[in-house]
Amino acid sequence: MRHHGNVDAQHVALLRELLASTPWLERTEDFAHALRRTRDPGGLMLIGTPEDEPWHLAAHLDDEARYSGLSQLAPSLVRWEPPPDAPDHLRIGLDRIAQARRGETLFVVNSEEQAPVPLLERVDDARRTGATVLSLDHGDGELTSLAHESISLRPGREPLTFEGLQHLVSSAAGHEDAGGGRKPGLRERLSRFLDVVSGPRMPD
């Protein structure tokens, strides 16, 4: 699955310009900082609902990991019913959550108003084993009560879409500010986006 890197970069730049006077940029930066706390490569698990797997976000995080040098951002996309003949990286099932441990992160993307019970059960399991739980949702009280960090979009009441919020989060995740280093400016970020000739993608 291939996305157009140039278009995505322009989308993020426009979003940031439109949201400059709102709290959203700071909120996404804070959330992205929590994402970067994942200790090791392979420790970031990304899961959606059975009906809506977050392929688009997985692709963008994968590219952010690649060109920012933050390999811990490359997600393991956890799937509810992975095909048995899929490649290894696309055959990660729910058992991966049962193996979660301290220092790893479960990033939950719930595009529905309320998370389905099976998803809540998996999130609770991961939290009990010591994993950090992050959620991106529509203001789901049950899900956010299980998450250590959450960022919620209230439909019809915010100046951006759910997809736009995912773009902001993935872009912000590539900002390495550990140790007080300077964050790249918007011009630098755009340049790095445009330098990715292949564009964000998940391998076939």
N, C-alpha and C. Protein backbone atom coordinates (compact mmCIF):
# COMPACT_ATOMS: atom_id res chain seq x y z
N MET A 1 0.86 -1.19 0.00
CA MET A 1 0.00 0.00 0.00
C MET A 1 0.89 1.23 0.00
N ARG A 2 0.65 2.13 -0.94
CA ARG A 2 1.53 3.29 -1.11
C ARG A 2 0.75 4.59 -0.91
N HIS A 3 1.39 5.54 -0.22
CA HIS A 3 0.81 6.85 -0.05
C HIS A 3 1.70 7.87 -0.75
N HIS A 4 1.20 9.05 -0.98
CA HIS A 4 1.96 10.09 -1.67
C HIS A 4 2.60 11.00 -0.64
N GLY A 5 3.93 10.87 -0.47
CA GLY A 5 4.64 11.60 0.56
C GLY A 5 4.51 13.11 0.43
N ASN A 6 4.60 13.63 -0.82
CA ASN A 6 4.52 15.07 -1.01
C ASN A 6 3.17 15.62 -0.59
N VAL A 7 2.11 14.92 -0.96
CA VAL A 7 0.77 15.36 -0.60
C VAL A 7 0.60 15.34 0.91
N ASP A 8 1.09 14.27 1.56
CA ASP A 8 0.99 14.17 3.01
C ASP A 8 1.76 15.29 3.69
N ALA A 9 2.93 15.61 3.19
CA ALA A 9 3.73 16.69 3.78
C ALA A 9 2.99 18.02 3.69
N GLN A 10 2.38 18.28 2.53
CA GLN A 10 1.62 19.51 2.37
C GLN A 10 0.41 19.54 3.30
N HIS A 11 -0.21 18.37 3.47
CA HIS A 11 -1.36 18.26 4.37
C HIS A 11 -0.96 18.61 5.80
N VAL A 12 0.15 18.05 6.27
CA VAL A 12 0.62 18.32 7.62
C VAL A 12 0.97 19.79 7.78
N ALA A 13 1.65 20.36 6.79
CA ALA A 13 2.03 21.77 6.87
C ALA A 13 0.80 22.66 6.96
N LEU A 14 -0.22 22.36 6.17
CA LEU A 14 -1.45 23.15 6.21
C LEU A 14 -2.15 23.00 7.56
N LEU A 15 -2.20 21.77 8.06
CA LEU A 15 -2.82 21.54 9.36
C LEU A 15 -2.12 22.34 10.45
N ARG A 16 -0.80 22.30 10.44
CA ARG A 16 -0.06 23.02 11.47
C ARG A 16 -0.29 24.52 11.39
N GLU A 17 -0.40 25.02 10.16
CA GLU A 17 -0.66 26.46 10.00
C GLU A 17 -2.05 26.81 10.51
N LEU A 18 -3.04 25.98 10.18
CA LEU A 18 -4.41 26.25 10.59
C LEU A 18 -4.61 26.12 12.09
N LEU A 19 -3.80 25.24 12.72
CA LEU A 19 -3.99 24.96 14.14
C LEU A 19 -3.00 25.71 15.03
N ALA A 20 -2.22 26.62 14.44
CA ALA A 20 -1.16 27.30 15.18
C ALA A 20 -1.66 28.04 16.41
N SER A 21 -2.88 28.56 16.35
CA SER A 21 -3.41 29.33 17.47
C SER A 21 -4.27 28.50 18.42
N THR A 22 -4.26 27.19 18.23
CA THR A 22 -5.05 26.30 19.09
C THR A 22 -4.11 25.45 19.94
N PRO A 23 -4.65 24.72 20.92
CA PRO A 23 -3.80 23.86 21.75
C PRO A 23 -3.40 22.55 21.07
N TRP A 24 -3.87 22.30 19.84
CA TRP A 24 -3.69 20.99 19.25
C TRP A 24 -2.24 20.64 18.95
N LEU A 25 -1.44 21.59 18.53
CA LEU A 25 -0.04 21.27 18.21
C LEU A 25 0.70 20.83 19.48
N GLU A 26 0.49 21.55 20.57
CA GLU A 26 1.14 21.16 21.82
C GLU A 26 0.63 19.81 22.31
N ARG A 27 -0.65 19.56 22.15
CA ARG A 27 -1.22 18.29 22.59
C ARG A 27 -0.64 17.12 21.80
N THR A 28 -0.50 17.30 20.49
CA THR A 28 0.07 16.22 19.69
C THR A 28 1.55 16.03 19.98
N GLU A 29 2.28 17.11 20.25
CA GLU A 29 3.70 16.98 20.61
C GLU A 29 3.84 16.21 21.93
N ASP A 30 3.00 16.51 22.91
CA ASP A 30 3.06 15.80 24.19
C ASP A 30 2.76 14.32 24.00
N PHE A 31 1.76 14.02 23.18
CA PHE A 31 1.40 12.63 22.93
C PHE A 31 2.52 11.90 22.20
N ALA A 32 3.13 12.57 21.23
CA ALA A 32 4.23 11.98 20.47
C ALA A 32 5.42 11.69 21.38
N HIS A 33 5.64 12.56 22.36
CA HIS A 33 6.72 12.32 23.32
C HIS A 33 6.49 11.02 24.07
N ALA A 34 5.24 10.73 24.42
CA ALA A 34 4.92 9.47 25.08
C ALA A 34 5.19 8.28 24.16
N LEU A 35 4.93 8.45 22.87
CA LEU A 35 5.22 7.39 21.90
C LEU A 35 6.71 7.07 21.86
N ARG A 36 7.53 8.12 21.92
CA ARG A 36 8.98 7.93 21.82
C ARG A 36 9.59 7.28 23.05
N ARG A 37 8.81 7.12 24.12
CA ARG A 37 9.35 6.48 25.31
C ARG A 37 9.48 4.96 25.16
N THR A 38 8.91 4.41 24.10
CA THR A 38 9.09 2.99 23.83
C THR A 38 10.58 2.68 23.79
N ARG A 39 11.00 1.66 24.51
CA ARG A 39 12.44 1.46 24.70
C ARG A 39 13.16 0.90 23.48
N ASP A 40 12.61 -0.16 22.91
CA ASP A 40 13.36 -0.92 21.91
C ASP A 40 12.60 -1.08 20.61
N PRO A 41 13.32 -1.28 19.50
CA PRO A 41 12.65 -1.60 18.24
C PRO A 41 11.76 -2.82 18.41
N GLY A 42 10.57 -2.77 17.83
CA GLY A 42 9.63 -3.87 17.95
C GLY A 42 8.74 -3.77 19.17
N GLY A 43 8.99 -2.75 20.01
CA GLY A 43 8.23 -2.63 21.24
C GLY A 43 6.97 -1.79 21.13
N LEU A 44 6.72 -1.20 19.95
CA LEU A 44 5.52 -0.41 19.75
C LEU A 44 4.48 -1.25 19.01
N MET A 45 3.40 -1.60 19.70
CA MET A 45 2.31 -2.37 19.10
C MET A 45 1.19 -1.41 18.75
N LEU A 46 0.67 -1.53 17.55
CA LEU A 46 -0.41 -0.67 17.07
C LEU A 46 -1.62 -1.53 16.77
N ILE A 47 -2.77 -1.18 17.35
CA ILE A 47 -3.97 -1.97 17.13
C ILE A 47 -5.17 -1.05 16.93
N GLY A 48 -6.08 -1.46 16.07
CA GLY A 48 -7.34 -0.77 15.88
C GLY A 48 -8.49 -1.66 16.29
N THR A 49 -9.63 -1.45 15.70
CA THR A 49 -10.79 -2.30 15.97
C THR A 49 -10.83 -3.43 14.95
N PRO A 50 -11.63 -4.47 15.22
CA PRO A 50 -11.73 -5.56 14.23
C PRO A 50 -12.18 -5.08 12.85
N GLU A 51 -12.96 -4.00 12.80
CA GLU A 51 -13.47 -3.50 11.53
C GLU A 51 -12.58 -2.44 10.89
N ASP A 52 -11.64 -1.90 11.62
CA ASP A 52 -10.85 -0.78 11.09
C ASP A 52 -9.42 -0.86 11.62
N GLU A 53 -8.55 -1.51 10.86
CA GLU A 53 -7.15 -1.61 11.24
C GLU A 53 -6.41 -0.35 10.77
N PRO A 54 -5.55 0.22 11.59
CA PRO A 54 -4.91 1.51 11.28
C PRO A 54 -3.71 1.40 10.34
N TRP A 55 -3.97 0.93 9.12
CA TRP A 55 -2.90 0.77 8.14
C TRP A 55 -2.22 2.09 7.81
N HIS A 56 -3.01 3.12 7.63
CA HIS A 56 -2.46 4.41 7.22
C HIS A 56 -1.48 4.95 8.26
N LEU A 57 -1.88 4.88 9.53
CA LEU A 57 -1.00 5.36 10.60
C LEU A 57 0.23 4.48 10.72
N ALA A 58 0.06 3.17 10.55
CA ALA A 58 1.20 2.25 10.62
C ALA A 58 2.24 2.61 9.56
N ALA A 59 1.76 2.92 8.36
CA ALA A 59 2.67 3.27 7.28
C ALA A 59 3.45 4.54 7.59
N HIS A 60 2.78 5.53 8.13
CA HIS A 60 3.46 6.79 8.42
C HIS A 60 4.43 6.65 9.59
N LEU A 61 4.07 5.92 10.61
CA LEU A 61 5.00 5.69 11.71
C LEU A 61 6.23 4.92 11.24
N ASP A 62 6.01 3.97 10.33
CA ASP A 62 7.13 3.20 9.79
C ASP A 62 8.11 4.11 9.07
N ASP A 63 7.61 5.05 8.29
CA ASP A 63 8.49 5.97 7.59
C ASP A 63 9.14 6.97 8.55
N GLU A 64 8.40 7.43 9.55
CA GLU A 64 8.99 8.33 10.55
C GLU A 64 10.17 7.65 11.23
N ALA A 65 10.01 6.36 11.55
CA ALA A 65 11.09 5.61 12.18
C ALA A 65 12.30 5.55 11.26
N ARG A 66 12.03 5.36 9.98
CA ARG A 66 13.11 5.16 9.01
C ARG A 66 13.93 6.43 8.81
N TYR A 67 13.27 7.58 8.61
CA TYR A 67 14.08 8.75 8.28
C TYR A 67 14.36 9.66 9.46
N SER A 68 13.83 9.33 10.65
CA SER A 68 14.23 10.09 11.84
C SER A 68 15.31 9.37 12.63
N GLY A 69 15.53 8.08 12.31
CA GLY A 69 16.50 7.28 13.05
C GLY A 69 15.97 6.77 14.38
N LEU A 70 14.68 6.93 14.64
CA LEU A 70 14.07 6.45 15.88
C LEU A 70 13.40 5.10 15.59
N SER A 71 14.21 4.06 15.61
CA SER A 71 13.70 2.76 15.17
C SER A 71 12.58 2.22 16.05
N GLN A 72 12.49 2.72 17.29
CA GLN A 72 11.42 2.24 18.17
C GLN A 72 10.05 2.70 17.72
N LEU A 73 9.99 3.63 16.77
CA LEU A 73 8.70 4.10 16.27
C LEU A 73 8.10 3.18 15.21
N ALA A 74 8.88 2.27 14.67
CA ALA A 74 8.34 1.35 13.67
C ALA A 74 7.38 0.39 14.36
N PRO A 75 6.08 0.45 14.02
CA PRO A 75 5.11 -0.33 14.79
C PRO A 75 4.97 -1.76 14.33
N SER A 76 4.57 -2.60 15.27
CA SER A 76 4.09 -3.94 14.94
C SER A 76 2.57 -3.83 14.85
N LEU A 77 2.02 -3.98 13.65
CA LEU A 77 0.58 -3.86 13.47
C LEU A 77 -0.08 -5.15 13.95
N VAL A 78 -0.79 -5.06 15.06
CA VAL A 78 -1.46 -6.23 15.62
C VAL A 78 -2.82 -6.36 14.94
N ARG A 79 -3.07 -7.55 14.39
CA ARG A 79 -4.29 -7.76 13.61
C ARG A 79 -5.21 -8.76 14.32
N TRP A 80 -6.49 -8.57 14.14
CA TRP A 80 -7.47 -9.42 14.82
C TRP A 80 -7.54 -10.81 14.20
N GLU A 81 -7.49 -10.89 12.89
CA GLU A 81 -7.54 -12.18 12.20
C GLU A 81 -6.57 -12.16 11.02
N PRO A 82 -5.27 -12.21 11.31
CA PRO A 82 -4.30 -12.15 10.21
C PRO A 82 -4.37 -13.40 9.35
N PRO A 83 -4.32 -13.25 8.02
CA PRO A 83 -4.32 -14.42 7.14
C PRO A 83 -3.10 -15.29 7.41
N PRO A 84 -3.27 -16.60 7.45
CA PRO A 84 -2.13 -17.48 7.75
C PRO A 84 -1.04 -17.46 6.70
N ASP A 85 -1.37 -17.01 5.49
CA ASP A 85 -0.36 -16.98 4.43
C ASP A 85 0.24 -15.59 4.23
N ALA A 86 -0.06 -14.66 5.14
CA ALA A 86 0.49 -13.31 5.03
C ALA A 86 1.98 -13.32 5.42
N PRO A 87 2.76 -12.34 4.95
CA PRO A 87 4.16 -12.23 5.38
C PRO A 87 4.23 -12.09 6.91
N ASP A 88 5.38 -12.41 7.48
CA ASP A 88 5.52 -12.42 8.94
C ASP A 88 5.08 -11.11 9.57
N HIS A 89 5.49 -9.98 8.99
CA HIS A 89 5.20 -8.68 9.61
C HIS A 89 3.72 -8.30 9.49
N LEU A 90 2.96 -9.03 8.67
CA LEU A 90 1.53 -8.79 8.55
C LEU A 90 0.71 -9.93 9.13
N ARG A 91 1.39 -10.78 9.89
CA ARG A 91 0.73 -11.94 10.48
C ARG A 91 0.83 -11.88 12.01
N ILE A 92 0.95 -10.67 12.55
CA ILE A 92 1.05 -10.50 14.00
C ILE A 92 -0.35 -10.48 14.59
N GLY A 93 -0.66 -11.48 15.39
CA GLY A 93 -2.00 -11.59 15.95
C GLY A 93 -2.09 -11.11 17.39
N LEU A 94 -3.22 -11.38 18.00
CA LEU A 94 -3.50 -10.89 19.35
C LEU A 94 -2.57 -11.49 20.40
N ASP A 95 -1.95 -12.62 20.09
CA ASP A 95 -1.01 -13.21 21.05
C ASP A 95 0.13 -12.26 21.38
N ARG A 96 0.44 -11.36 20.45
CA ARG A 96 1.54 -10.41 20.70
C ARG A 96 1.23 -9.54 21.91
N ILE A 97 -0.03 -9.19 22.09
CA ILE A 97 -0.40 -8.35 23.24
C ILE A 97 -0.20 -9.13 24.55
N ALA A 98 -0.49 -10.42 24.52
CA ALA A 98 -0.31 -11.23 25.71
C ALA A 98 1.16 -11.31 26.11
N GLN A 99 2.06 -11.06 25.15
CA GLN A 99 3.50 -11.11 25.42
C GLN A 99 4.07 -9.73 25.79
N ALA A 100 3.22 -8.72 25.85
CA ALA A 100 3.68 -7.35 26.14
C ALA A 100 4.34 -7.29 27.51
N ARG A 101 5.31 -6.41 27.62
CA ARG A 101 6.03 -6.30 28.89
C ARG A 101 6.37 -4.83 29.17
N ARG A 102 6.89 -4.59 30.34
CA ARG A 102 7.27 -3.23 30.71
C ARG A 102 8.31 -2.68 29.73
N GLY A 103 8.16 -1.43 29.37
CA GLY A 103 9.05 -0.81 28.39
C GLY A 103 8.49 -0.84 26.98
N GLU A 104 7.42 -1.63 26.77
CA GLU A 104 6.76 -1.67 25.49
C GLU A 104 5.50 -0.80 25.54
N THR A 105 4.96 -0.51 24.36
CA THR A 105 3.82 0.39 24.26
C THR A 105 2.74 -0.22 23.39
N LEU A 106 1.50 -0.17 23.87
CA LEU A 106 0.35 -0.54 23.05
C LEU A 106 -0.36 0.75 22.67
N PHE A 107 -0.37 1.05 21.38
CA PHE A 107 -1.00 2.26 20.84
C PHE A 107 -2.33 1.84 20.22
N VAL A 108 -3.42 2.28 20.83
CA VAL A 108 -4.76 1.89 20.41
C VAL A 108 -5.39 3.02 19.61
N VAL A 109 -5.86 2.70 18.42
CA VAL A 109 -6.56 3.68 17.57
C VAL A 109 -8.00 3.21 17.43
N ASN A 110 -8.90 3.93 18.07
CA ASN A 110 -10.31 3.55 18.04
C ASN A 110 -11.09 4.58 17.23
N SER A 111 -11.49 4.19 16.03
CA SER A 111 -12.22 5.10 15.15
C SER A 111 -13.72 5.12 15.46
N GLU A 112 -14.16 4.27 16.37
CA GLU A 112 -15.56 4.21 16.74
C GLU A 112 -15.81 5.10 17.97
N GLU A 113 -17.08 5.36 18.25
CA GLU A 113 -17.40 6.19 19.42
C GLU A 113 -17.10 5.44 20.71
N GLN A 114 -17.33 4.14 20.70
CA GLN A 114 -17.06 3.30 21.88
C GLN A 114 -16.24 2.10 21.44
N ALA A 115 -15.17 1.81 22.17
CA ALA A 115 -14.35 0.66 21.84
C ALA A 115 -15.12 -0.63 22.10
N PRO A 116 -15.02 -1.60 21.20
CA PRO A 116 -15.68 -2.88 21.44
C PRO A 116 -15.06 -3.59 22.65
N VAL A 117 -15.88 -4.38 23.32
CA VAL A 117 -15.42 -5.05 24.55
C VAL A 117 -14.15 -5.88 24.31
N PRO A 118 -14.05 -6.66 23.23
CA PRO A 118 -12.81 -7.44 23.03
C PRO A 118 -11.56 -6.57 22.99
N LEU A 119 -11.68 -5.35 22.44
CA LEU A 119 -10.53 -4.45 22.40
C LEU A 119 -10.19 -3.97 23.81
N LEU A 120 -11.20 -3.61 24.58
CA LEU A 120 -10.97 -3.16 25.96
C LEU A 120 -10.30 -4.27 26.78
N GLU A 121 -10.69 -5.50 26.55
CA GLU A 121 -10.10 -6.62 27.28
C GLU A 121 -8.62 -6.77 26.94
N ARG A 122 -8.27 -6.61 25.67
CA ARG A 122 -6.86 -6.71 25.27
C ARG A 122 -6.05 -5.56 25.85
N VAL A 123 -6.63 -4.39 25.87
CA VAL A 123 -5.94 -3.22 26.44
C VAL A 123 -5.68 -3.44 27.92
N ASP A 124 -6.67 -3.95 28.62
CA ASP A 124 -6.52 -4.22 30.05
C ASP A 124 -5.43 -5.26 30.29
N ASP A 125 -5.38 -6.28 29.44
CA ASP A 125 -4.34 -7.31 29.55
C ASP A 125 -2.95 -6.70 29.41
N ALA A 126 -2.77 -5.83 28.41
CA ALA A 126 -1.47 -5.22 28.18
C ALA A 126 -1.06 -4.34 29.35
N ARG A 127 -2.00 -3.61 29.90
CA ARG A 127 -1.69 -2.74 31.04
C ARG A 127 -1.27 -3.57 32.24
N ARG A 128 -1.93 -4.69 32.46
CA ARG A 128 -1.61 -5.55 33.60
C ARG A 128 -0.21 -6.16 33.50
N THR A 129 0.25 -6.39 32.28
CA THR A 129 1.59 -6.96 32.12
C THR A 129 2.69 -5.91 32.15
N GLY A 130 2.31 -4.63 32.30
CA GLY A 130 3.31 -3.58 32.46
C GLY A 130 3.54 -2.70 31.27
N ALA A 131 2.85 -2.97 30.16
CA ALA A 131 3.03 -2.13 28.97
C ALA A 131 2.38 -0.77 29.17
N THR A 132 2.92 0.24 28.50
CA THR A 132 2.31 1.56 28.49
C THR A 132 1.20 1.57 27.44
N VAL A 133 0.05 2.08 27.81
CA VAL A 133 -1.10 2.11 26.90
C VAL A 133 -1.36 3.55 26.48
N LEU A 134 -1.40 3.77 25.17
CA LEU A 134 -1.73 5.07 24.60
C LEU A 134 -2.97 4.90 23.73
N SER A 135 -3.85 5.90 23.73
CA SER A 135 -5.04 5.79 22.89
C SER A 135 -5.29 7.06 22.12
N LEU A 136 -5.75 6.87 20.89
CA LEU A 136 -6.21 7.94 20.03
C LEU A 136 -7.65 7.59 19.68
N ASP A 137 -8.59 8.44 20.10
CA ASP A 137 -9.99 8.02 20.03
C ASP A 137 -10.93 9.20 19.89
N HIS A 138 -12.22 8.90 20.00
CA HIS A 138 -13.26 9.92 19.88
C HIS A 138 -13.83 10.31 21.24
N GLY A 139 -13.04 10.20 22.29
CA GLY A 139 -13.53 10.57 23.61
C GLY A 139 -14.20 9.42 24.32
N ASP A 140 -13.71 8.21 24.07
CA ASP A 140 -14.26 6.99 24.68
C ASP A 140 -13.82 6.91 26.14
N GLY A 141 -14.74 7.08 27.06
CA GLY A 141 -14.39 7.13 28.48
C GLY A 141 -13.76 5.85 29.00
N GLU A 142 -14.28 4.70 28.58
CA GLU A 142 -13.74 3.43 29.06
C GLU A 142 -12.31 3.21 28.57
N LEU A 143 -12.09 3.52 27.31
CA LEU A 143 -10.74 3.34 26.76
C LEU A 143 -9.76 4.30 27.39
N THR A 144 -10.12 5.57 27.50
CA THR A 144 -9.19 6.54 28.07
C THR A 144 -8.91 6.26 29.54
N SER A 145 -9.84 5.62 30.24
CA SER A 145 -9.59 5.29 31.65
C SER A 145 -8.53 4.20 31.78
N LEU A 146 -8.35 3.40 30.72
CA LEU A 146 -7.33 2.35 30.74
C LEU A 146 -5.98 2.85 30.23
N ALA A 147 -6.00 3.95 29.48
CA ALA A 147 -4.77 4.45 28.86
C ALA A 147 -3.97 5.31 29.82
N HIS A 148 -2.64 5.20 29.72
CA HIS A 148 -1.76 6.08 30.49
C HIS A 148 -1.76 7.48 29.88
N GLU A 149 -1.84 7.54 28.54
CA GLU A 149 -1.91 8.82 27.83
C GLU A 149 -2.95 8.66 26.72
N SER A 150 -3.76 9.69 26.51
CA SER A 150 -4.75 9.62 25.44
C SER A 150 -4.89 10.98 24.77
N ILE A 151 -5.31 10.93 23.52
CA ILE A 151 -5.64 12.15 22.80
C ILE A 151 -6.94 11.88 22.07
N SER A 152 -7.94 12.72 22.34
CA SER A 152 -9.29 12.45 21.87
C SER A 152 -9.81 13.56 20.98
N LEU A 153 -10.57 13.15 19.99
CA LEU A 153 -11.19 14.08 19.07
C LEU A 153 -12.70 13.95 19.21
N ARG A 154 -13.35 15.03 19.55
CA ARG A 154 -14.80 15.02 19.68
C ARG A 154 -15.42 15.35 18.33
N PRO A 155 -16.12 14.40 17.71
CA PRO A 155 -16.65 14.60 16.35
C PRO A 155 -17.51 15.86 16.25
N GLY A 156 -17.23 16.68 15.24
CA GLY A 156 -18.03 17.86 14.99
C GLY A 156 -17.73 19.04 15.90
N ARG A 157 -16.79 18.86 16.81
CA ARG A 157 -16.51 19.93 17.78
C ARG A 157 -15.06 20.40 17.73
N GLU A 158 -14.27 19.84 16.82
CA GLU A 158 -12.85 20.19 16.74
C GLU A 158 -12.51 20.62 15.31
N PRO A 159 -11.42 21.39 15.14
CA PRO A 159 -11.09 21.94 13.83
C PRO A 159 -10.29 20.98 12.93
N LEU A 160 -10.31 19.68 13.19
CA LEU A 160 -9.60 18.74 12.34
C LEU A 160 -10.32 17.40 12.36
N THR A 161 -9.95 16.55 11.41
CA THR A 161 -10.57 15.24 11.29
C THR A 161 -9.76 14.19 12.04
N PHE A 162 -10.33 13.02 12.18
CA PHE A 162 -9.62 11.92 12.84
C PHE A 162 -8.38 11.53 12.04
N GLU A 163 -8.51 11.52 10.73
CA GLU A 163 -7.35 11.23 9.88
C GLU A 163 -6.29 12.32 10.03
N GLY A 164 -6.73 13.58 10.09
CA GLY A 164 -5.79 14.67 10.25
C GLY A 164 -5.03 14.57 11.56
N LEU A 165 -5.72 14.15 12.62
CA LEU A 165 -5.07 13.99 13.91
C LEU A 165 -3.99 12.92 13.84
N GLN A 166 -4.26 11.84 13.12
CA GLN A 166 -3.26 10.79 12.96
C GLN A 166 -2.03 11.32 12.20
N HIS A 167 -2.26 12.16 11.20
CA HIS A 167 -1.15 12.78 10.48
C HIS A 167 -0.29 13.62 11.42
N LEU A 168 -0.93 14.42 12.26
CA LEU A 168 -0.19 15.28 13.18
C LEU A 168 0.62 14.45 14.17
N VAL A 169 0.02 13.40 14.70
CA VAL A 169 0.70 12.57 15.69
C VAL A 169 1.91 11.87 15.08
N SER A 170 1.74 11.28 13.90
CA SER A 170 2.87 10.57 13.29
C SER A 170 3.99 11.53 12.91
N SER A 171 3.65 12.72 12.42
CA SER A 171 4.67 13.71 12.09
C SER A 171 5.42 14.17 13.33
N ALA A 172 4.66 14.44 14.41
CA ALA A 172 5.29 14.90 15.65
C ALA A 172 6.17 13.82 16.26
N ALA A 173 5.83 12.57 16.03
CA ALA A 173 6.59 11.47 16.62
C ALA A 173 8.04 11.47 16.14
N GLY A 174 8.28 11.98 14.94
CA GLY A 174 9.64 12.02 14.41
C GLY A 174 10.48 13.15 14.96
N HIS A 175 9.94 14.00 15.82
CA HIS A 175 10.71 15.10 16.41
C HIS A 175 11.49 14.57 17.59
N GLU A 176 12.75 14.34 17.44
CA GLU A 176 13.59 13.86 18.55
C GLU A 176 14.05 15.05 19.36
N ASP A 177 13.54 15.15 20.61
CA ASP A 177 13.94 16.27 21.46
C ASP A 177 14.60 15.81 22.74
N ALA A 178 14.99 14.54 22.78
CA ALA A 178 15.63 14.03 23.99
C ALA A 178 16.93 14.79 24.25
N GLY A 179 17.16 15.05 25.52
CA GLY A 179 18.40 15.71 25.90
C GLY A 179 18.42 17.19 25.60
N GLY A 180 17.21 17.76 25.31
CA GLY A 180 17.15 19.19 25.09
C GLY A 180 17.64 19.61 23.73
N GLY A 181 17.81 18.64 22.80
CA GLY A 181 18.26 19.00 21.47
C GLY A 181 17.22 19.84 20.75
N ARG A 182 17.65 20.58 19.76
CA ARG A 182 16.74 21.44 19.02
C ARG A 182 15.82 20.61 18.16
N LYS A 183 14.53 20.90 18.20
CA LYS A 183 13.59 20.24 17.31
C LYS A 183 13.73 20.84 15.91
N PRO A 184 13.62 20.00 14.88
CA PRO A 184 13.65 20.56 13.53
C PRO A 184 12.49 21.52 13.32
N GLY A 185 12.74 22.59 12.60
CA GLY A 185 11.67 23.52 12.27
C GLY A 185 10.77 22.92 11.21
N LEU A 186 9.67 23.61 10.94
CA LEU A 186 8.71 23.11 9.97
C LEU A 186 9.35 22.96 8.59
N ARG A 187 10.20 23.93 8.20
CA ARG A 187 10.85 23.84 6.89
C ARG A 187 11.71 22.59 6.79
N GLU A 188 12.45 22.29 7.87
CA GLU A 188 13.28 21.08 7.87
C GLU A 188 12.43 19.83 7.78
N ARG A 189 11.32 19.82 8.54
CA ARG A 189 10.44 18.66 8.52
C ARG A 189 9.87 18.43 7.12
N LEU A 190 9.46 19.50 6.47
CA LEU A 190 8.93 19.37 5.12
C LEU A 190 9.99 18.84 4.17
N SER A 191 11.21 19.36 4.32
CA SER A 191 12.29 18.91 3.47
C SER A 191 12.53 17.42 3.63
N ARG A 192 12.48 16.94 4.88
CA ARG A 192 12.70 15.52 5.14
C ARG A 192 11.56 14.68 4.57
N PHE A 193 10.33 15.19 4.64
CA PHE A 193 9.21 14.49 4.03
C PHE A 193 9.43 14.36 2.53
N LEU A 194 9.79 15.46 1.90
CA LEU A 194 9.93 15.47 0.45
C LEU A 194 11.11 14.64 -0.02
N ASP A 195 12.07 14.40 0.86
CA ASP A 195 13.24 13.60 0.50
C ASP A 195 12.93 12.11 0.47
N VAL A 196 11.79 11.71 1.01
CA VAL A 196 11.44 10.29 1.02
C VAL A 196 10.84 9.94 -0.33
N VAL A 197 11.67 9.52 -1.23
CA VAL A 197 11.24 9.31 -2.61
C VAL A 197 10.15 8.25 -2.72
N SER A 198 10.27 7.20 -1.93
CA SER A 198 9.33 6.10 -2.05
C SER A 198 7.98 6.39 -1.45
N GLY A 199 7.91 7.36 -0.53
CA GLY A 199 6.63 7.65 0.14
C GLY A 199 6.35 6.63 1.21
N PRO A 200 5.49 6.97 2.20
CA PRO A 200 5.17 6.04 3.28
C PRO A 200 4.44 4.82 2.75
N ARG A 201 4.78 3.66 3.21
CA ARG A 201 4.11 2.46 2.73
C ARG A 201 4.30 1.32 3.71
N MET A 202 3.41 0.37 3.65
CA MET A 202 3.59 -0.92 4.30
C MET A 202 4.00 -1.90 3.24
N PRO A 203 5.01 -2.73 3.49
CA PRO A 203 5.43 -3.70 2.48
C PRO A 203 4.28 -4.63 2.11
N ASP A 204 4.32 -5.12 0.86
CA ASP A 204 3.27 -6.06 0.43
C ASP A 204 3.38 -7.37 1.18
